[in-house]
Amino acid sequence: MSDIMYVTKETLDKMMEELHRMKTIDRPAASRAIAEAREKGDLRENAEYDAAKEAQGILEAKMALLESQVASARIVSTDEIDTSKVSILTRVTITNIATKKTVTYQLVGEKEADLKAGKISISSPIGKGLLGKVKGDVAEVQAPTGVIKFKIDNIAI
């Protein structure tokens, strides 16, 4: 994963905590589970051993992914945000031209996206369509149902 991932300091801290927990608690627990299963006899017919080894493999893969995400993470702060155009961490109020429905989204990195909280990823179709636009622009977003047009009503932090 060589792409830069933009995150807030809080999200990076959570990622670091999760990685630390995986290394200090989960990894030793997985090793203990393998050791306990190994003590139960013949490894060729030991389903518990196979399950423990598989769980350890999954944990190691998750740790590798999280390590690469942390390595490629760049912290963004609201202090550095230019509200003259849509960018990461801006709150954008948009109106769907076809339905006249108005919504406000905050553009965030993939790790922080939460539609229920009104946070959409800058790599989502809407996020990509809004990036770089200024107040008054019409953004055309390619969706599965076709092109959707949104008018940029406001940009704030």
N, C-alpha and C. Protein backbone atom coordinates (compact mmCIF):
# COMPACT_ATOMS: atom_id res chain seq x y z
N MET A 1 0.85 -1.18 0.00
CA MET A 1 0.00 0.00 0.00
C MET A 1 0.89 1.23 0.00
N SER A 2 1.11 1.83 -1.14
CA SER A 2 2.02 2.95 -1.25
C SER A 2 1.28 4.28 -1.27
N ASP A 3 -0.04 4.26 -1.37
CA ASP A 3 -0.81 5.49 -1.39
C ASP A 3 -0.76 6.16 -0.03
N ILE A 4 -0.71 7.47 -0.03
CA ILE A 4 -0.73 8.22 1.21
C ILE A 4 -2.15 8.19 1.76
N MET A 5 -2.25 7.94 3.05
CA MET A 5 -3.55 7.90 3.71
C MET A 5 -3.60 9.09 4.66
N TYR A 6 -4.56 9.99 4.46
CA TYR A 6 -4.69 11.17 5.29
C TYR A 6 -5.57 10.86 6.49
N VAL A 7 -5.07 11.18 7.67
CA VAL A 7 -5.82 10.92 8.90
C VAL A 7 -5.62 12.08 9.87
N THR A 8 -6.51 12.16 10.84
CA THR A 8 -6.33 13.13 11.92
C THR A 8 -5.39 12.52 12.94
N LYS A 9 -4.87 13.33 13.82
CA LYS A 9 -3.96 12.85 14.85
C LYS A 9 -4.66 11.81 15.73
N GLU A 10 -5.95 12.02 16.04
CA GLU A 10 -6.70 11.09 16.88
C GLU A 10 -6.78 9.71 16.22
N THR A 11 -7.04 9.67 14.92
CA THR A 11 -7.14 8.39 14.22
C THR A 11 -5.79 7.69 14.18
N LEU A 12 -4.72 8.44 13.95
CA LEU A 12 -3.38 7.83 13.95
C LEU A 12 -3.06 7.26 15.33
N ASP A 13 -3.44 7.98 16.38
CA ASP A 13 -3.22 7.48 17.74
C ASP A 13 -3.98 6.18 17.97
N LYS A 14 -5.22 6.10 17.49
CA LYS A 14 -6.02 4.87 17.64
C LYS A 14 -5.37 3.71 16.87
N MET A 15 -4.87 4.00 15.68
CA MET A 15 -4.21 2.97 14.89
C MET A 15 -2.96 2.45 15.61
N MET A 16 -2.19 3.37 16.19
CA MET A 16 -0.98 2.99 16.92
C MET A 16 -1.32 2.14 18.15
N GLU A 17 -2.40 2.54 18.86
CA GLU A 17 -2.85 1.77 20.03
C GLU A 17 -3.26 0.36 19.62
N GLU A 18 -4.01 0.25 18.52
CA GLU A 18 -4.46 -1.06 18.05
C GLU A 18 -3.27 -1.93 17.66
N LEU A 19 -2.30 -1.35 16.99
CA LEU A 19 -1.10 -2.10 16.60
C LEU A 19 -0.32 -2.56 17.83
N HIS A 20 -0.21 -1.70 18.82
CA HIS A 20 0.48 -2.06 20.06
C HIS A 20 -0.24 -3.21 20.77
N ARG A 21 -1.58 -3.14 20.82
CA ARG A 21 -2.37 -4.20 21.45
C ARG A 21 -2.17 -5.52 20.71
N MET A 22 -2.18 -5.46 19.40
CA MET A 22 -1.98 -6.68 18.61
C MET A 22 -0.62 -7.32 18.90
N LYS A 23 0.41 -6.48 19.00
CA LYS A 23 1.76 -7.00 19.21
C LYS A 23 1.98 -7.49 20.64
N THR A 24 1.41 -6.81 21.62
CA THR A 24 1.70 -7.14 23.01
C THR A 24 0.70 -8.08 23.66
N ILE A 25 -0.53 -8.13 23.16
CA ILE A 25 -1.56 -8.97 23.78
C ILE A 25 -2.01 -10.09 22.84
N ASP A 26 -2.43 -9.72 21.63
CA ASP A 26 -3.01 -10.70 20.71
C ASP A 26 -1.98 -11.71 20.19
N ARG A 27 -0.79 -11.22 19.82
CA ARG A 27 0.23 -12.13 19.28
C ARG A 27 0.68 -13.17 20.32
N PRO A 28 0.98 -12.77 21.58
CA PRO A 28 1.33 -13.79 22.58
C PRO A 28 0.18 -14.76 22.86
N ALA A 29 -1.06 -14.25 22.83
CA ALA A 29 -2.22 -15.13 23.06
C ALA A 29 -2.32 -16.17 21.94
N ALA A 30 -2.06 -15.76 20.71
CA ALA A 30 -2.10 -16.69 19.59
C ALA A 30 -1.01 -17.75 19.73
N SER A 31 0.16 -17.34 20.17
CA SER A 31 1.26 -18.29 20.37
C SER A 31 0.92 -19.30 21.47
N ARG A 32 0.29 -18.81 22.55
CA ARG A 32 -0.13 -19.71 23.63
C ARG A 32 -1.16 -20.72 23.14
N ALA A 33 -2.11 -20.26 22.32
CA ALA A 33 -3.14 -21.15 21.79
C ALA A 33 -2.52 -22.25 20.93
N ILE A 34 -1.51 -21.90 20.15
CA ILE A 34 -0.82 -22.90 19.32
C ILE A 34 -0.09 -23.90 20.21
N ALA A 35 0.59 -23.39 21.23
CA ALA A 35 1.33 -24.27 22.14
C ALA A 35 0.39 -25.24 22.86
N GLU A 36 -0.75 -24.73 23.31
CA GLU A 36 -1.73 -25.59 24.00
C GLU A 36 -2.27 -26.66 23.06
N ALA A 37 -2.56 -26.28 21.84
CA ALA A 37 -3.08 -27.24 20.86
C ALA A 37 -2.02 -28.28 20.50
N ARG A 38 -0.76 -27.84 20.43
CA ARG A 38 0.33 -28.75 20.08
C ARG A 38 0.48 -29.84 21.15
N GLU A 39 0.22 -29.50 22.39
CA GLU A 39 0.35 -30.45 23.50
C GLU A 39 -0.71 -31.54 23.47
N LYS A 40 -1.75 -31.35 22.66
CA LYS A 40 -2.87 -32.29 22.65
C LYS A 40 -2.67 -33.45 21.70
N GLY A 41 -1.48 -33.62 21.18
CA GLY A 41 -1.22 -34.82 20.40
C GLY A 41 -0.86 -34.59 18.96
N ASP A 42 -1.15 -35.60 18.16
CA ASP A 42 -0.78 -35.68 16.75
C ASP A 42 -1.27 -34.43 15.98
N LEU A 43 -0.34 -33.69 15.40
CA LEU A 43 -0.68 -32.45 14.71
C LEU A 43 -1.41 -32.68 13.39
N ARG A 44 -1.26 -33.87 12.81
CA ARG A 44 -1.92 -34.14 11.52
C ARG A 44 -3.43 -34.24 11.68
N GLU A 45 -3.90 -34.60 12.86
CA GLU A 45 -5.34 -34.77 13.08
C GLU A 45 -5.86 -33.82 14.16
N ASN A 46 -5.17 -32.71 14.34
CA ASN A 46 -5.51 -31.80 15.41
C ASN A 46 -6.15 -30.53 14.82
N ALA A 47 -7.48 -30.51 14.82
CA ALA A 47 -8.21 -29.37 14.26
C ALA A 47 -7.98 -28.11 15.07
N GLU A 48 -7.81 -28.25 16.38
CA GLU A 48 -7.58 -27.10 17.24
C GLU A 48 -6.25 -26.42 16.88
N TYR A 49 -5.24 -27.22 16.57
CA TYR A 49 -3.93 -26.70 16.17
C TYR A 49 -4.06 -25.95 14.83
N ASP A 50 -4.77 -26.58 13.88
CA ASP A 50 -4.96 -25.93 12.58
C ASP A 50 -5.68 -24.59 12.73
N ALA A 51 -6.72 -24.56 13.57
CA ALA A 51 -7.48 -23.33 13.78
C ALA A 51 -6.60 -22.26 14.44
N ALA A 52 -5.79 -22.65 15.40
CA ALA A 52 -4.90 -21.70 16.08
C ALA A 52 -3.86 -21.13 15.11
N LYS A 53 -3.31 -21.99 14.25
CA LYS A 53 -2.34 -21.53 13.25
C LYS A 53 -3.00 -20.56 12.25
N GLU A 54 -4.22 -20.88 11.84
CA GLU A 54 -4.94 -20.01 10.91
C GLU A 54 -5.23 -18.66 11.57
N ALA A 55 -5.67 -18.67 12.83
CA ALA A 55 -5.94 -17.43 13.55
C ALA A 55 -4.67 -16.58 13.66
N GLN A 56 -3.54 -17.24 13.90
CA GLN A 56 -2.28 -16.52 13.99
C GLN A 56 -1.93 -15.89 12.63
N GLY A 57 -2.16 -16.61 11.55
CA GLY A 57 -1.90 -16.07 10.21
C GLY A 57 -2.75 -14.86 9.90
N ILE A 58 -4.02 -14.92 10.30
CA ILE A 58 -4.93 -13.78 10.08
C ILE A 58 -4.45 -12.58 10.89
N LEU A 59 -4.07 -12.82 12.14
CA LEU A 59 -3.58 -11.74 13.00
C LEU A 59 -2.33 -11.10 12.40
N GLU A 60 -1.40 -11.92 11.92
CA GLU A 60 -0.16 -11.38 11.32
C GLU A 60 -0.47 -10.56 10.08
N ALA A 61 -1.45 -11.00 9.28
CA ALA A 61 -1.83 -10.24 8.07
C ALA A 61 -2.44 -8.90 8.46
N LYS A 62 -3.29 -8.89 9.49
CA LYS A 62 -3.90 -7.63 9.95
C LYS A 62 -2.83 -6.68 10.47
N MET A 63 -1.85 -7.24 11.20
CA MET A 63 -0.77 -6.41 11.72
C MET A 63 0.05 -5.81 10.59
N ALA A 64 0.35 -6.60 9.58
CA ALA A 64 1.13 -6.11 8.43
C ALA A 64 0.38 -4.98 7.71
N LEU A 65 -0.93 -5.16 7.53
CA LEU A 65 -1.73 -4.13 6.87
C LEU A 65 -1.73 -2.85 7.70
N LEU A 66 -1.96 -2.99 9.00
CA LEU A 66 -2.00 -1.82 9.87
C LEU A 66 -0.64 -1.12 9.91
N GLU A 67 0.44 -1.89 9.93
CA GLU A 67 1.78 -1.28 9.92
C GLU A 67 2.01 -0.48 8.64
N SER A 68 1.56 -1.01 7.50
CA SER A 68 1.74 -0.27 6.24
C SER A 68 0.86 0.98 6.21
N GLN A 69 -0.34 0.89 6.82
CA GLN A 69 -1.20 2.07 6.87
C GLN A 69 -0.59 3.15 7.76
N VAL A 70 -0.04 2.75 8.89
CA VAL A 70 0.60 3.71 9.79
C VAL A 70 1.80 4.35 9.08
N ALA A 71 2.57 3.54 8.37
CA ALA A 71 3.75 4.05 7.67
C ALA A 71 3.39 5.05 6.57
N SER A 72 2.24 4.86 5.93
CA SER A 72 1.85 5.76 4.85
C SER A 72 0.90 6.87 5.30
N ALA A 73 0.62 6.94 6.60
CA ALA A 73 -0.33 7.94 7.12
C ALA A 73 0.32 9.31 7.18
N ARG A 74 -0.46 10.30 6.83
CA ARG A 74 -0.05 11.69 6.94
C ARG A 74 -1.12 12.40 7.76
N ILE A 75 -0.67 13.13 8.78
CA ILE A 75 -1.62 13.82 9.67
C ILE A 75 -2.05 15.12 9.02
N VAL A 76 -3.35 15.34 9.02
CA VAL A 76 -3.88 16.61 8.55
C VAL A 76 -4.58 17.29 9.72
N SER A 77 -4.50 18.60 9.75
CA SER A 77 -5.09 19.36 10.84
C SER A 77 -6.00 20.43 10.25
N THR A 78 -7.06 20.77 10.98
CA THR A 78 -7.99 21.78 10.49
C THR A 78 -7.32 23.15 10.40
N ASP A 79 -6.19 23.35 11.09
CA ASP A 79 -5.47 24.63 11.02
C ASP A 79 -4.92 24.89 9.62
N GLU A 80 -4.63 23.83 8.88
CA GLU A 80 -3.98 23.95 7.57
C GLU A 80 -4.98 23.98 6.41
N ILE A 81 -6.26 23.91 6.70
CA ILE A 81 -7.27 23.75 5.65
C ILE A 81 -7.65 25.09 5.03
N ASP A 82 -7.68 25.09 3.70
CA ASP A 82 -8.11 26.25 2.91
C ASP A 82 -9.59 26.03 2.56
N THR A 83 -10.47 26.90 3.08
CA THR A 83 -11.90 26.71 2.84
C THR A 83 -12.39 27.40 1.56
N SER A 84 -11.48 27.89 0.73
CA SER A 84 -11.92 28.49 -0.53
C SER A 84 -12.29 27.40 -1.55
N LYS A 85 -11.82 26.16 -1.30
CA LYS A 85 -12.16 25.05 -2.17
C LYS A 85 -12.34 23.79 -1.31
N VAL A 86 -13.01 22.80 -1.88
CA VAL A 86 -13.27 21.56 -1.17
C VAL A 86 -11.97 20.76 -1.06
N SER A 87 -11.62 20.38 0.17
CA SER A 87 -10.43 19.55 0.40
C SER A 87 -10.71 18.66 1.61
N ILE A 88 -9.74 17.85 1.96
CA ILE A 88 -9.90 16.95 3.09
C ILE A 88 -10.15 17.77 4.36
N LEU A 89 -11.02 17.28 5.21
CA LEU A 89 -11.48 17.85 6.48
C LEU A 89 -12.43 19.03 6.34
N THR A 90 -12.79 19.42 5.12
CA THR A 90 -13.78 20.49 4.99
C THR A 90 -15.19 19.90 5.10
N ARG A 91 -16.09 20.71 5.62
CA ARG A 91 -17.52 20.34 5.65
C ARG A 91 -18.17 21.02 4.45
N VAL A 92 -18.78 20.21 3.62
CA VAL A 92 -19.35 20.72 2.37
C VAL A 92 -20.86 20.53 2.39
N THR A 93 -21.57 21.60 2.18
CA THR A 93 -23.02 21.52 2.06
C THR A 93 -23.33 21.52 0.57
N ILE A 94 -24.01 20.45 0.14
CA ILE A 94 -24.31 20.29 -1.28
C ILE A 94 -25.79 20.06 -1.48
N THR A 95 -26.28 20.43 -2.65
CA THR A 95 -27.67 20.20 -3.01
C THR A 95 -27.70 19.35 -4.27
N ASN A 96 -28.43 18.24 -4.20
CA ASN A 96 -28.63 17.40 -5.37
C ASN A 96 -29.55 18.17 -6.31
N ILE A 97 -29.09 18.49 -7.48
CA ILE A 97 -29.85 19.33 -8.42
C ILE A 97 -31.14 18.65 -8.84
N ALA A 98 -31.13 17.34 -9.01
CA ALA A 98 -32.33 16.63 -9.46
C ALA A 98 -33.40 16.54 -8.38
N THR A 99 -32.98 16.24 -7.14
CA THR A 99 -33.97 16.02 -6.07
C THR A 99 -34.15 17.23 -5.16
N LYS A 100 -33.29 18.22 -5.28
CA LYS A 100 -33.28 19.42 -4.44
C LYS A 100 -33.00 19.11 -2.97
N LYS A 101 -32.47 17.93 -2.69
CA LYS A 101 -32.14 17.54 -1.32
C LYS A 101 -30.76 18.10 -0.96
N THR A 102 -30.68 18.72 0.22
CA THR A 102 -29.43 19.31 0.69
C THR A 102 -28.87 18.47 1.83
N VAL A 103 -27.56 18.19 1.75
CA VAL A 103 -26.87 17.44 2.80
C VAL A 103 -25.51 18.09 3.06
N THR A 104 -24.98 17.83 4.25
CA THR A 104 -23.65 18.31 4.59
C THR A 104 -22.78 17.11 4.92
N TYR A 105 -21.62 17.05 4.29
CA TYR A 105 -20.66 15.99 4.53
C TYR A 105 -19.33 16.60 4.93
N GLN A 106 -18.59 15.86 5.75
CA GLN A 106 -17.20 16.21 5.99
C GLN A 106 -16.36 15.22 5.21
N LEU A 107 -15.41 15.73 4.44
CA LEU A 107 -14.53 14.85 3.67
C LEU A 107 -13.36 14.43 4.55
N VAL A 108 -13.17 13.12 4.67
CA VAL A 108 -12.13 12.57 5.54
C VAL A 108 -11.38 11.48 4.80
N GLY A 109 -10.33 10.97 5.42
CA GLY A 109 -9.60 9.84 4.87
C GLY A 109 -10.42 8.57 4.99
N GLU A 110 -10.01 7.53 4.27
CA GLU A 110 -10.76 6.27 4.24
C GLU A 110 -10.96 5.67 5.63
N LYS A 111 -9.97 5.78 6.48
CA LYS A 111 -10.01 5.15 7.80
C LYS A 111 -11.05 5.80 8.70
N GLU A 112 -11.41 7.05 8.42
CA GLU A 112 -12.33 7.79 9.27
C GLU A 112 -13.75 7.89 8.72
N ALA A 113 -13.97 7.40 7.52
CA ALA A 113 -15.28 7.52 6.88
C ALA A 113 -16.36 6.84 7.71
N ASP A 114 -17.48 7.55 7.88
CA ASP A 114 -18.63 7.05 8.64
C ASP A 114 -19.85 7.81 8.15
N LEU A 115 -20.60 7.21 7.25
CA LEU A 115 -21.73 7.90 6.63
C LEU A 115 -22.77 8.35 7.65
N LYS A 116 -23.00 7.55 8.68
CA LYS A 116 -23.98 7.92 9.71
C LYS A 116 -23.57 9.19 10.44
N ALA A 117 -22.27 9.42 10.55
CA ALA A 117 -21.77 10.64 11.20
C ALA A 117 -21.57 11.77 10.19
N GLY A 118 -21.93 11.54 8.94
CA GLY A 118 -21.79 12.56 7.91
C GLY A 118 -20.37 12.72 7.40
N LYS A 119 -19.55 11.69 7.56
CA LYS A 119 -18.17 11.74 7.10
C LYS A 119 -18.01 10.79 5.92
N ILE A 120 -17.60 11.34 4.76
CA ILE A 120 -17.38 10.50 3.59
C ILE A 120 -15.92 10.56 3.18
N SER A 121 -15.46 9.48 2.61
CA SER A 121 -14.07 9.36 2.20
C SER A 121 -13.78 10.20 0.96
N ILE A 122 -12.56 10.74 0.94
CA ILE A 122 -12.15 11.51 -0.25
C ILE A 122 -11.95 10.60 -1.45
N SER A 123 -11.91 9.29 -1.22
CA SER A 123 -11.74 8.36 -2.34
C SER A 123 -13.08 7.77 -2.79
N SER A 124 -14.18 8.16 -2.13
CA SER A 124 -15.51 7.71 -2.57
C SER A 124 -15.90 8.48 -3.83
N PRO A 125 -16.87 7.97 -4.59
CA PRO A 125 -17.26 8.70 -5.81
C PRO A 125 -17.69 10.15 -5.54
N ILE A 126 -18.47 10.37 -4.49
CA ILE A 126 -18.89 11.75 -4.17
C ILE A 126 -17.69 12.56 -3.73
N GLY A 127 -16.86 11.98 -2.86
CA GLY A 127 -15.67 12.68 -2.38
C GLY A 127 -14.77 13.10 -3.52
N LYS A 128 -14.51 12.18 -4.45
CA LYS A 128 -13.67 12.49 -5.61
C LYS A 128 -14.28 13.60 -6.45
N GLY A 129 -15.60 13.53 -6.62
CA GLY A 129 -16.28 14.53 -7.44
C GLY A 129 -16.28 15.93 -6.84
N LEU A 130 -16.23 16.00 -5.50
CA LEU A 130 -16.28 17.29 -4.82
C LEU A 130 -14.91 17.95 -4.65
N LEU A 131 -13.86 17.13 -4.57
CA LEU A 131 -12.51 17.67 -4.31
C LEU A 131 -12.13 18.76 -5.31
N GLY A 132 -11.64 19.88 -4.78
CA GLY A 132 -11.15 20.96 -5.62
C GLY A 132 -12.21 21.93 -6.09
N LYS A 133 -13.47 21.63 -5.86
CA LYS A 133 -14.55 22.53 -6.30
C LYS A 133 -14.65 23.72 -5.35
N VAL A 134 -15.19 24.81 -5.85
CA VAL A 134 -15.40 26.00 -5.03
C VAL A 134 -16.89 26.26 -4.88
N LYS A 135 -17.24 27.12 -3.93
CA LYS A 135 -18.64 27.45 -3.68
C LYS A 135 -19.30 27.95 -4.96
N GLY A 136 -20.46 27.37 -5.28
CA GLY A 136 -21.19 27.74 -6.49
C GLY A 136 -20.97 26.78 -7.65
N ASP A 137 -19.90 26.00 -7.61
CA ASP A 137 -19.63 25.01 -8.66
C ASP A 137 -20.67 23.90 -8.65
N VAL A 138 -20.79 23.23 -9.80
CA VAL A 138 -21.61 22.04 -9.90
C VAL A 138 -20.67 20.86 -10.12
N ALA A 139 -20.75 19.90 -9.20
CA ALA A 139 -19.91 18.71 -9.29
C ALA A 139 -20.72 17.59 -9.93
N GLU A 140 -20.14 16.95 -10.91
CA GLU A 140 -20.78 15.80 -11.55
C GLU A 140 -20.12 14.55 -11.00
N VAL A 141 -20.94 13.71 -10.36
CA VAL A 141 -20.44 12.50 -9.72
C VAL A 141 -20.96 11.28 -10.46
N GLN A 142 -20.03 10.41 -10.85
CA GLN A 142 -20.41 9.17 -11.53
C GLN A 142 -20.85 8.16 -10.47
N ALA A 143 -22.12 7.79 -10.49
CA ALA A 143 -22.66 6.80 -9.56
C ALA A 143 -23.15 5.60 -10.37
N PRO A 144 -23.41 4.49 -9.70
CA PRO A 144 -23.91 3.31 -10.43
C PRO A 144 -25.20 3.58 -11.23
N THR A 145 -25.99 4.53 -10.74
CA THR A 145 -27.25 4.85 -11.42
C THR A 145 -27.07 5.89 -12.52
N GLY A 146 -25.86 6.39 -12.68
CA GLY A 146 -25.60 7.41 -13.69
C GLY A 146 -24.92 8.62 -13.07
N VAL A 147 -24.88 9.72 -13.81
CA VAL A 147 -24.24 10.93 -13.32
C VAL A 147 -25.21 11.71 -12.43
N ILE A 148 -24.72 12.09 -11.25
CA ILE A 148 -25.52 12.90 -10.32
C ILE A 148 -24.83 14.25 -10.21
N LYS A 149 -25.62 15.32 -10.28
CA LYS A 149 -25.06 16.67 -10.20
C LYS A 149 -25.37 17.27 -8.84
N PHE A 150 -24.32 17.81 -8.21
CA PHE A 150 -24.45 18.46 -6.91
C PHE A 150 -23.95 19.89 -7.03
N LYS A 151 -24.71 20.83 -6.44
CA LYS A 151 -24.28 22.22 -6.38
C LYS A 151 -23.61 22.42 -5.03
N ILE A 152 -22.43 23.05 -5.03
CA ILE A 152 -21.70 23.33 -3.80
C ILE A 152 -22.30 24.59 -3.19
N ASP A 153 -22.96 24.44 -2.03
CA ASP A 153 -23.60 25.59 -1.38
C ASP A 153 -22.68 26.28 -0.39
N ASN A 154 -21.89 25.48 0.34
CA ASN A 154 -21.03 26.07 1.36
C ASN A 154 -19.84 25.16 1.65
N ILE A 155 -18.74 25.79 2.01
CA ILE A 155 -17.53 25.05 2.40
C ILE A 155 -17.06 25.66 3.73
N ALA A 156 -16.92 24.82 4.73
CA ALA A 156 -16.50 25.30 6.05
C ALA A 156 -15.61 24.24 6.70
N ILE A 157 -15.18 24.54 7.92
CA ILE A 157 -14.38 23.57 8.67
C ILE A 157 -15.24 22.94 9.73
